[in-house]
Amino acid sequence: MQFHIRYRNTQGTLMRILNAVSRRALDLPSVHADAGEHDHEVTITLEVNQKQVGQLYREWYAIPDVIRVGSGAAHPASWSAHHAPAGVGLEDSRPAARA
């Protein structure tokens, strides 16, 4: 499951967000943080059950600088490192790769 957390970038906010995950001994297979105009957003991919989702939401919303928490199904293909170079279709490159 992917979690999208928007927060104000004050000292220690991202660490408090990640601490909520590490206290539950959950693996962090993917963490991606982006800077926005005024706010920042971090996307975290986790394997959690429904009880853990509730606990994480509660803890993240208890952080004063967290603005919004959202979640959805993880899409492993969207964060996979295997991408075709720009301007090259996958169909064009497959025969060359087999040669």
C-alpha atoms as a PDB file:
ATOM      1  CA  MET A   1       0.000   0.000   0.000  1.00  0.00           C
ATOM      2  CA  GLN A   2       1.254   3.473  -0.806  1.00  0.00           C
ATOM      3  CA  PHE A   3       0.832   6.364   1.595  1.00  0.00           C
ATOM      4  CA  HIS A   4       1.019   9.976   0.406  1.00  0.00           C
ATOM      5  CA  ILE A   5       1.728  12.425   3.204  1.00  0.00           C
ATOM      6  CA  ARG A   6       1.762  16.190   2.654  1.00  0.00           C
ATOM      7  CA  TYR A   7       3.549  18.196   5.327  1.00  0.00           C
ATOM      8  CA  ARG A   8       5.161  21.545   6.104  1.00  0.00           C
ATOM      9  CA  ASN A   9       8.913  21.175   5.964  1.00  0.00           C
ATOM     10  CA  THR A  10       9.899  22.119   9.481  1.00  0.00           C
ATOM     11  CA  GLN A  11      12.826  20.616  11.327  1.00  0.00           C
ATOM     12  CA  GLY A  12      12.305  16.925  12.048  1.00  0.00           C
ATOM     13  CA  THR A  13       8.888  16.454  10.420  1.00  0.00           C
ATOM     14  CA  LEU A  14      10.017  13.878   7.864  1.00  0.00           C
ATOM     15  CA  MET A  15      11.934  11.980  10.557  1.00  0.00           C
ATOM     16  CA  ARG A  16       8.822  11.864  12.778  1.00  0.00           C
ATOM     17  CA  ILE A  17       6.809  10.510   9.837  1.00  0.00           C
ATOM     18  CA  LEU A  18       9.396   7.783   9.188  1.00  0.00           C
ATOM     19  CA  ASN A  19       9.750   7.076  12.928  1.00  0.00           C
ATOM     20  CA  ALA A  20       6.075   6.056  13.074  1.00  0.00           C
ATOM     21  CA  VAL A  21       6.893   3.319  10.553  1.00  0.00           C
ATOM     22  CA  SER A  22      10.147   2.172  12.139  1.00  0.00           C
ATOM     23  CA  ARG A  23       8.572   1.885  15.620  1.00  0.00           C
ATOM     24  CA  ARG A  24       6.286  -0.803  14.181  1.00  0.00           C
ATOM     25  CA  ALA A  25       9.272  -2.649  12.657  1.00  0.00           C
ATOM     26  CA  LEU A  26       7.799  -2.323   9.156  1.00  0.00           C
ATOM     27  CA  ASP A  27      10.000  -2.620   6.077  1.00  0.00           C
ATOM     28  CA  LEU A  28      10.377   0.498   3.938  1.00  0.00           C
ATOM     29  CA  PRO A  29      10.798  -0.830   0.379  1.00  0.00           C
ATOM     30  CA  SER A  30      10.222   2.611  -1.135  1.00  0.00           C
ATOM     31  CA  VAL A  31      10.380   6.165   0.204  1.00  0.00           C
ATOM     32  CA  HIS A  32      10.211   9.161  -2.131  1.00  0.00           C
ATOM     33  CA  ALA A  33      10.094  12.761  -0.926  1.00  0.00           C
ATOM     34  CA  ASP A  34       9.291  15.754  -3.158  1.00  0.00           C
ATOM     35  CA  ALA A  35       9.466  19.464  -2.461  1.00  0.00           C
ATOM     36  CA  GLY A  36       6.484  21.588  -3.417  1.00  0.00           C
ATOM     37  CA  GLU A  37       5.990  25.345  -3.386  1.00  0.00           C
ATOM     38  CA  HIS A  38       5.085  25.657   0.278  1.00  0.00           C
ATOM     39  CA  ASP A  39       4.538  22.074   1.329  1.00  0.00           C
ATOM     40  CA  HIS A  40       6.440  18.840   0.831  1.00  0.00           C
ATOM     41  CA  GLU A  41       5.122  15.361   0.100  1.00  0.00           C
ATOM     42  CA  VAL A  42       6.525  11.937   0.887  1.00  0.00           C
ATOM     43  CA  THR A  43       5.314   8.695  -0.688  1.00  0.00           C
ATOM     44  CA  ILE A  44       5.954   5.555   1.358  1.00  0.00           C
ATOM     45  CA  THR A  45       5.273   2.002   0.189  1.00  0.00           C
ATOM     46  CA  LEU A  46       4.483  -0.454   2.994  1.00  0.00           C
ATOM     47  CA  GLU A  47       2.881  -3.842   3.528  1.00  0.00           C
ATOM     48  CA  VAL A  48       0.454  -3.305   6.399  1.00  0.00           C
ATOM     49  CA  ASN A  49      -2.777  -4.714   7.763  1.00  0.00           C
ATOM     50  CA  GLN A  50      -5.896  -2.649   8.469  1.00  0.00           C
ATOM     51  CA  LYS A  51      -5.045  -2.179  12.152  1.00  0.00           C
ATOM     52  CA  GLN A  52      -1.589  -0.811  11.283  1.00  0.00           C
ATOM     53  CA  VAL A  53      -3.118   1.560   8.725  1.00  0.00           C
ATOM     54  CA  GLY A  54      -5.322   3.051  11.448  1.00  0.00           C
ATOM     55  CA  GLN A  55      -2.394   3.356  13.842  1.00  0.00           C
ATOM     56  CA  LEU A  56      -0.208   5.057  11.246  1.00  0.00           C
ATOM     57  CA  TYR A  57      -2.952   7.516  10.242  1.00  0.00           C
ATOM     58  CA  ARG A  58      -3.539   8.412  13.900  1.00  0.00           C
ATOM     59  CA  GLU A  59       0.152   8.918  14.588  1.00  0.00           C
ATOM     60  CA  TRP A  60       0.830  10.884  11.394  1.00  0.00           C
ATOM     61  CA  TYR A  61      -2.116  13.218  12.003  1.00  0.00           C
ATOM     62  CA  ALA A  62      -0.826  13.779  15.560  1.00  0.00           C
ATOM     63  CA  ILE A  63       2.308  15.409  14.058  1.00  0.00           C
ATOM     64  CA  PRO A  64       1.522  19.160  14.010  1.00  0.00           C
ATOM     65  CA  ASP A  65       3.067  19.825  10.579  1.00  0.00           C
ATOM     66  CA  VAL A  66       1.289  16.993   8.734  1.00  0.00           C
ATOM     67  CA  ILE A  67      -1.376  18.520   6.500  1.00  0.00           C
ATOM     68  CA  ARG A  68      -2.900  15.508   4.719  1.00  0.00           C
ATOM     69  CA  VAL A  69      -2.514  11.724   4.671  1.00  0.00           C
ATOM     70  CA  GLY A  70      -3.828   9.585   1.829  1.00  0.00           C
ATOM     71  CA  SER A  71      -3.346   5.997   0.754  1.00  0.00           C
ATOM     72  CA  GLY A  72      -3.960   3.706  -2.155  1.00  0.00           C
ATOM     73  CA  ALA A  73      -2.820   0.475  -3.741  1.00  0.00           C
ATOM     74  CA  ALA A  74       0.887   0.296  -4.518  1.00  0.00           C
ATOM     75  CA  HIS A  75       1.847   0.151  -8.173  1.00  0.00           C
ATOM     76  CA  PRO A  76       5.284  -1.496  -8.287  1.00  0.00           C
ATOM     77  CA  ALA A  77       5.630  -0.742 -12.004  1.00  0.00           C
ATOM     78  CA  SER A  78       5.437   2.992 -11.293  1.00  0.00           C
ATOM     79  CA  TRP A  79       8.593   2.965  -9.149  1.00  0.00           C
ATOM     80  CA  SER A  80      10.505   0.258 -10.984  1.00  0.00           C
ATOM     81  CA  ALA A  81      13.946   1.309 -12.195  1.00  0.00           C
ATOM     82  CA  HIS A  82      13.485  -0.391 -15.587  1.00  0.00           C
ATOM     83  CA  HIS A  83      12.400   2.240 -18.087  1.00  0.00           C
ATOM     84  CA  ALA A  84      12.971   2.451 -21.821  1.00  0.00           C
ATOM     85  CA  PRO A  85      15.066   5.460 -22.916  1.00  0.00           C
ATOM     86  CA  ALA A  86      13.037   8.472 -24.001  1.00  0.00           C
ATOM     87  CA  GLY A  87      11.957   8.220 -27.624  1.00  0.00           C
ATOM     88  CA  VAL A  88      12.482   4.445 -27.873  1.00  0.00           C
ATOM     89  CA  GLY A  89       9.441   2.191 -27.926  1.00  0.00           C
ATOM     90  CA  LEU A  90       9.703  -1.139 -26.145  1.00  0.00           C
ATOM     91  CA  GLU A  91       8.592  -3.025 -29.268  1.00  0.00           C
ATOM     92  CA  ASP A  92      11.496  -1.550 -31.260  1.00  0.00           C
ATOM     93  CA  SER A  93      14.102  -2.484 -28.655  1.00  0.00           C
ATOM     94  CA  ARG A  94      13.031  -6.097 -27.961  1.00  0.00           C
ATOM     95  CA  PRO A  95      14.275  -7.671 -31.243  1.00  0.00           C
ATOM     96  CA  ALA A  96      17.624  -5.922 -30.825  1.00  0.00           C
ATOM     97  CA  ALA A  97      17.927  -7.220 -27.275  1.00  0.00           C
ATOM     98  CA  ARG A  98      17.369 -10.816 -28.442  1.00  0.00           C
ATOM     99  CA  ALA A  99      20.115 -10.602 -31.098  1.00  0.00           C
END
